[in-house]
């Protein structure tokens, strides 16, 4: 296996005109792994050869994809308790150089804005009312109703910059903030509508529909509703009632749904390369 010290020599060979020979060079760079990224990025800045630029960009993209896949598998295997980490990893499919620390600082600032409004004597409904006020009234987070299918709705950095997103991004942010503040709020995999459940207890393990105090619609400014509304919706959609329509789901369930949402978005906009990359990420769930 080539060592990192071989990278400069391999990079000099990237103008190889023979495709078979270039394939061998490219595979040697791939085998070096993440250590090849920094030298490749430096070489990209310093070359004016269009062919070499294209080849370096493609190698960097593939290396980033492989690294991201490994990170994603690790997130799943380590329990996936950090929902924000899953959101960040999905975002890195589009923004590989994303500053994770900057995202976490923004989330912490939002959490503190909610925390100063809370006190221990509030009821569950009052807690949600406070979170809604900070999120939707003070910071003006809202659903991107004018462009529901835009992929940017599903990336954490653009969502936090524009304060516009889809049901999943709004729901994920709501869950993250609520749980950081001790509220037992979890996602519910209702078809076509991602909603939230406020539980009677903070423990998700084995929690079912009987453990739900009420439901929350993050796309409708955190509106609170009951099981009855879900039953009516299921009836209107002519769906067979399932436990998953009422009970809390896991973080991997949410992130899998987010990836599927992005695939649907890119399918409508016609980006087969992005679809292939996201479908590859789905393989990690197997």
Protein backbone atom coordinates (compact mmCIF):
# COMPACT_ATOMS: atom_id res chain seq x y z
CA UNK A 1 0.00 0.00 0.00
CA UNK A 2 1.43 3.43 -0.94
CA UNK A 3 2.44 5.69 1.95
CA UNK A 4 1.54 9.33 2.45
CA UNK A 5 5.09 10.29 1.43
CA UNK A 6 4.29 8.99 -2.08
CA UNK A 7 1.46 11.48 -2.63
CA UNK A 8 3.53 14.29 -4.27
CA UNK A 9 4.95 11.84 -6.80
CA UNK A 10 1.51 10.40 -7.55
CA UNK A 11 0.00 13.87 -7.97
CA UNK A 12 2.66 14.71 -10.57
CA UNK A 13 1.40 11.75 -12.61
CA UNK A 14 -2.21 12.95 -12.75
CA UNK A 15 -1.71 14.34 -16.25
CA UNK A 16 -1.20 10.77 -17.52
CA UNK A 17 -2.99 10.61 -20.91
CA UNK A 18 -3.56 6.85 -20.82
CA UNK A 19 -6.82 6.18 -18.96
CA UNK A 20 -5.75 2.71 -17.81
CA UNK A 21 -2.52 4.02 -16.33
CA UNK A 22 -4.38 6.94 -14.75
CA UNK A 23 -6.81 4.46 -13.16
CA UNK A 24 -3.90 2.73 -11.42
CA UNK A 25 -2.53 6.05 -10.17
CA UNK A 26 -5.95 7.11 -8.90
CA UNK A 27 -6.41 3.80 -7.05
CA UNK A 28 -3.04 4.24 -5.34
CA UNK A 29 -4.12 7.68 -4.12
CA UNK A 30 -7.44 6.25 -2.89
CA UNK A 31 -5.57 3.58 -0.93
CA UNK A 32 -3.70 6.28 1.01
CA UNK A 33 -7.01 7.59 2.29
CA UNK A 34 -7.65 10.87 4.19
CA UNK A 35 -3.93 11.75 4.32
CA UNK A 36 -4.12 12.43 0.59
CA UNK A 37 -6.71 15.21 0.91
CA UNK A 38 -4.52 18.13 2.03
CA UNK A 39 -1.82 17.60 -0.66
CA UNK A 40 -4.54 17.17 -3.30
CA UNK A 41 -6.27 20.41 -2.27
CA UNK A 42 -2.94 22.26 -2.37
CA UNK A 43 -2.19 20.82 -5.81
CA UNK A 44 -5.65 21.90 -7.00
CA UNK A 45 -4.87 25.49 -6.04
CA UNK A 46 -1.56 25.45 -7.91
CA UNK A 47 -2.47 23.79 -11.20
CA UNK A 48 -3.89 25.44 -14.31
CA UNK A 49 -4.25 22.20 -16.27
CA UNK A 50 -8.00 21.60 -16.80
CA UNK A 51 -7.63 17.83 -17.01
CA UNK A 52 -5.60 17.65 -13.80
CA UNK A 53 -8.06 19.97 -12.05
CA UNK A 54 -11.00 17.76 -13.02
CA UNK A 55 -9.19 14.62 -11.92
CA UNK A 56 -8.14 16.09 -8.57
CA UNK A 57 -11.66 17.37 -7.90
CA UNK A 58 -13.12 13.95 -8.63
CA UNK A 59 -10.58 12.17 -6.39
CA UNK A 60 -11.23 14.65 -3.55
CA UNK A 61 -14.99 14.14 -3.93
CA UNK A 62 -14.63 10.36 -3.76
CA UNK A 63 -12.29 10.50 -0.76
CA UNK A 64 -14.73 12.80 1.08
CA UNK A 65 -17.57 10.39 0.31
CA UNK A 66 -15.63 7.42 1.66
CA UNK A 67 -14.64 9.29 4.83
CA UNK A 68 -18.19 10.45 5.35
CA UNK A 69 -19.54 6.92 4.95
CA UNK A 70 -17.16 5.67 7.65
CA UNK A 71 -18.19 8.53 9.97
CA UNK A 72 -21.85 7.74 9.33
CA UNK A 73 -21.41 4.03 10.11
CA UNK A 74 -19.60 4.99 13.33
CA UNK A 75 -22.46 7.31 14.29
CA UNK A 76 -24.97 4.51 13.79
CA UNK A 77 -22.88 1.93 15.64
CA UNK A 78 -22.15 4.18 18.62
CA UNK A 79 -25.83 4.55 19.44
CA UNK A 80 -26.65 7.67 17.39
CA UNK A 81 -27.71 9.58 20.52
CA UNK A 82 -26.44 12.83 19.02
CA UNK A 83 -29.16 13.77 16.52
CA UNK A 84 -27.32 16.96 15.57
CA UNK A 85 -24.30 14.87 14.53
CA UNK A 86 -26.50 12.88 12.16
CA UNK A 87 -27.89 16.13 10.71
CA UNK A 88 -24.34 17.45 10.25
CA UNK A 89 -23.15 14.26 8.53
CA UNK A 90 -26.01 14.43 6.02
CA UNK A 91 -25.17 18.09 5.37
CA UNK A 92 -21.55 17.15 4.66
CA UNK A 93 -22.68 15.28 1.55
CA UNK A 94 -23.11 18.76 0.05
CA UNK A 95 -20.75 20.81 2.25
CA UNK A 96 -17.76 18.58 3.14
CA UNK A 97 -15.84 21.48 4.73
CA UNK A 98 -18.72 22.35 7.07
CA UNK A 99 -17.59 23.92 10.36
CA UNK A 100 -19.23 21.61 12.90
CA UNK A 101 -18.17 23.71 15.88
CA UNK A 102 -19.84 26.79 14.41
CA UNK A 103 -23.09 24.86 14.01
CA UNK A 104 -22.96 23.63 17.60
CA UNK A 105 -22.31 27.15 18.91
CA UNK A 106 -25.37 28.45 17.04
CA UNK A 107 -27.50 25.67 18.53
CA UNK A 108 -26.19 26.44 22.03
CA UNK A 109 -27.07 30.10 21.60
CA UNK A 110 -30.62 29.17 20.62
CA UNK A 111 -30.84 26.84 23.60
CA UNK A 112 -29.76 29.61 25.98
CA UNK A 113 -32.39 31.95 24.51
CA UNK A 114 -35.04 29.38 25.45
CA UNK A 115 -33.48 28.50 28.81
CA UNK A 116 -33.67 32.05 30.19
CA UNK A 117 -37.44 32.03 29.53
CA UNK A 118 -38.06 28.73 31.35
CA UNK A 119 -38.61 27.94 35.03
CA UNK A 120 -39.24 24.69 36.89
CA UNK A 121 -42.94 25.28 37.62
CA UNK A 122 -44.02 25.32 33.98
CA UNK A 123 -46.26 22.57 32.61
CA UNK A 124 -45.37 20.57 29.52
CA UNK A 125 -47.65 22.76 27.39
CA UNK A 126 -46.12 25.90 28.83
CA UNK A 127 -42.62 24.60 28.09
CA UNK A 128 -43.57 24.11 24.45
CA UNK A 129 -45.18 27.55 24.33
CA UNK A 130 -41.90 29.12 25.47
CA UNK A 131 -39.85 27.14 22.95
CA UNK A 132 -42.30 28.08 20.19
CA UNK A 133 -42.08 31.76 21.14
CA UNK A 134 -38.28 31.82 20.95
CA UNK A 135 -37.99 29.68 17.83
CA UNK A 136 -40.84 31.04 15.72
CA UNK A 137 -41.56 34.52 17.09
CA UNK A 138 -38.15 35.81 18.17
CA UNK A 139 -35.90 34.03 15.67
CA UNK A 140 -38.52 33.75 12.90
CA UNK A 141 -37.89 30.13 11.95
CA UNK A 142 -40.52 29.04 9.48
CA UNK A 143 -41.38 26.52 6.81
CA UNK A 144 -40.11 27.30 3.33
CA UNK A 145 -43.58 27.12 1.81
CA UNK A 146 -42.55 28.87 -1.41
CA UNK A 147 -39.97 26.18 -2.28
CA UNK A 148 -40.85 23.05 -0.32
CA UNK A 149 -38.66 20.75 -2.42
CA UNK A 150 -35.44 22.79 -2.34
CA UNK A 151 -32.54 20.61 -1.13
CA UNK A 152 -31.26 23.56 0.93
CA UNK A 153 -34.22 23.04 3.28
CA UNK A 154 -32.54 19.86 4.50
CA UNK A 155 -28.99 21.09 5.21
CA UNK A 156 -28.29 22.31 8.72
CA UNK A 157 -26.01 25.23 7.74
CA UNK A 158 -28.31 26.79 5.15
CA UNK A 159 -31.32 26.14 7.38
CA UNK A 160 -29.71 27.96 10.31
CA UNK A 161 -28.63 30.83 8.04
CA UNK A 162 -31.98 31.41 6.33
CA UNK A 163 -34.28 30.23 9.17
CA UNK A 164 -36.31 28.56 6.42
CA UNK A 165 -36.67 24.81 6.19
CA UNK A 166 -38.86 21.80 5.73
CA UNK A 167 -40.79 19.80 8.34
CA UNK A 168 -37.77 17.60 9.02
CA UNK A 169 -35.21 20.36 9.58
CA UNK A 170 -37.64 22.31 11.77
CA UNK A 171 -38.54 19.14 13.64
CA UNK A 172 -34.93 18.11 14.16
CA UNK A 173 -34.03 21.54 15.53
CA UNK A 174 -37.07 21.46 17.84
CA UNK A 175 -36.09 17.99 19.14
CA UNK A 176 -32.46 18.99 19.72
CA UNK A 177 -33.38 22.14 21.65
CA UNK A 178 -36.14 20.46 23.65
CA UNK A 179 -33.95 17.53 24.72
CA UNK A 180 -31.07 19.83 25.64
CA UNK A 181 -33.54 21.60 27.96
CA UNK A 182 -34.84 18.37 29.49
CA UNK A 183 -38.10 18.15 27.56
CA UNK A 184 -38.98 14.59 26.41
CA UNK A 185 -39.73 15.46 22.79
CA UNK A 186 -39.15 12.90 20.00
CA UNK A 187 -39.94 12.47 16.33
CA UNK A 188 -42.90 10.52 14.96
CA UNK A 189 -42.73 8.92 11.51
CA UNK A 190 -46.18 9.89 10.27
CA UNK A 191 -46.39 9.50 6.45
CA UNK A 192 -46.14 12.81 4.57
CA UNK A 193 -46.01 14.77 7.83
CA UNK A 194 -43.07 14.61 10.21
CA UNK A 195 -44.44 15.46 13.64
CA UNK A 196 -43.22 15.39 17.25
CA UNK A 197 -44.42 13.71 20.43
CA UNK A 198 -44.09 15.12 23.95
CA UNK A 199 -43.80 12.09 26.24
CA UNK A 200 -44.90 11.60 29.81
CA UNK A 201 -41.33 10.56 30.68
CA UNK A 202 -37.87 11.38 29.31
CA UNK A 203 -37.05 7.75 28.53
CA UNK A 204 -37.57 6.84 24.87
CA UNK A 205 -36.73 3.15 25.33
CA UNK A 206 -39.88 1.08 24.85
CA UNK A 207 -42.00 4.24 24.78
CA UNK A 208 -45.23 3.84 22.86
CA UNK A 209 -48.28 5.82 21.90
CA UNK A 210 -49.69 5.51 25.42
CA UNK A 211 -46.69 7.48 26.69
CA UNK A 212 -47.51 10.53 24.56
CA UNK A 213 -48.98 13.58 26.30
CA UNK A 214 -49.61 15.46 23.05
CA UNK A 215 -48.23 15.98 19.56
CA UNK A 216 -46.49 18.98 17.98
CA UNK A 217 -46.43 20.19 14.38
CA UNK A 218 -43.01 21.85 13.86
CA UNK A 219 -43.98 23.04 10.37
CA UNK A 220 -46.97 24.93 11.78
CA UNK A 221 -45.11 27.04 14.35
CA UNK A 222 -45.18 24.27 16.95
CA UNK A 223 -48.97 23.88 17.05
CA UNK A 224 -50.08 21.30 19.61
CA UNK A 225 -52.67 18.63 18.76
CA UNK A 226 -53.95 15.23 19.89
CA UNK A 227 -54.09 11.66 18.67
CA UNK A 228 -57.55 12.38 17.27
CA UNK A 229 -56.10 14.62 14.52
CA UNK A 230 -53.69 11.87 13.47
CA UNK A 231 -56.56 9.36 13.26
CA UNK A 232 -58.53 11.76 11.05
CA UNK A 233 -55.53 12.30 8.80
CA UNK A 234 -54.93 8.54 8.45
CA UNK A 235 -58.59 8.05 7.55
CA UNK A 236 -58.48 10.82 4.94
CA UNK A 237 -55.32 9.33 3.40
CA UNK A 238 -56.92 5.85 3.43
CA UNK A 239 -53.95 4.39 5.32
CA UNK A 240 -53.95 1.39 7.61
CA UNK A 241 -53.19 2.59 11.16
CA UNK A 242 -49.72 1.54 12.36
CA UNK A 243 -47.99 1.96 15.69
CA UNK A 244 -45.24 4.02 14.04
CA UNK A 245 -47.80 6.70 13.11
CA UNK A 246 -48.35 7.49 16.80
CA UNK A 247 -45.23 6.35 18.70
CA UNK A 248 -41.81 8.02 18.95
CA UNK A 249 -39.15 6.91 16.48
CA UNK A 250 -35.36 6.68 16.79
CA UNK A 251 -32.72 9.16 15.61
CA UNK A 252 -31.63 6.81 12.77
CA UNK A 253 -35.27 6.71 11.63
CA UNK A 254 -35.27 10.52 11.43
CA UNK A 255 -31.97 10.74 9.57
CA UNK A 256 -33.01 7.99 7.15
CA UNK A 257 -36.16 9.99 6.41
CA UNK A 258 -34.05 13.12 5.90
CA UNK A 259 -31.87 11.31 3.34
CA UNK A 260 -34.95 10.03 1.50
CA UNK A 261 -36.32 13.58 1.45
CA UNK A 262 -33.10 14.84 -0.13
CA UNK A 263 -33.17 12.05 -2.71
CA UNK A 264 -36.71 13.10 -3.67
CA UNK A 265 -35.58 16.72 -3.94
CA UNK A 266 -32.62 15.93 -6.18
CA UNK A 267 -34.78 13.61 -8.26
CA UNK A 268 -37.10 16.52 -9.03
CA UNK A 269 -34.18 18.83 -9.83
CA UNK A 270 -32.34 16.18 -11.87
CA UNK A 271 -29.03 15.51 -10.09
CA UNK A 272 -28.27 11.78 -10.52
CA UNK A 273 -24.79 12.07 -8.96
CA UNK A 274 -26.24 13.46 -5.73
CA UNK A 275 -28.91 10.76 -5.69
CA UNK A 276 -26.26 8.05 -6.07
CA UNK A 277 -24.19 9.53 -3.24
CA UNK A 278 -27.18 9.72 -0.88
CA UNK A 279 -28.35 6.21 -1.78
CA UNK A 280 -24.87 4.97 -0.92
CA UNK A 281 -25.23 6.61 2.50
CA UNK A 282 -28.48 4.70 2.98
CA UNK A 283 -26.50 1.45 2.67
CA UNK A 284 -25.02 2.21 6.10
CA UNK A 285 -28.41 1.44 7.66
CA UNK A 286 -28.12 -2.14 6.42
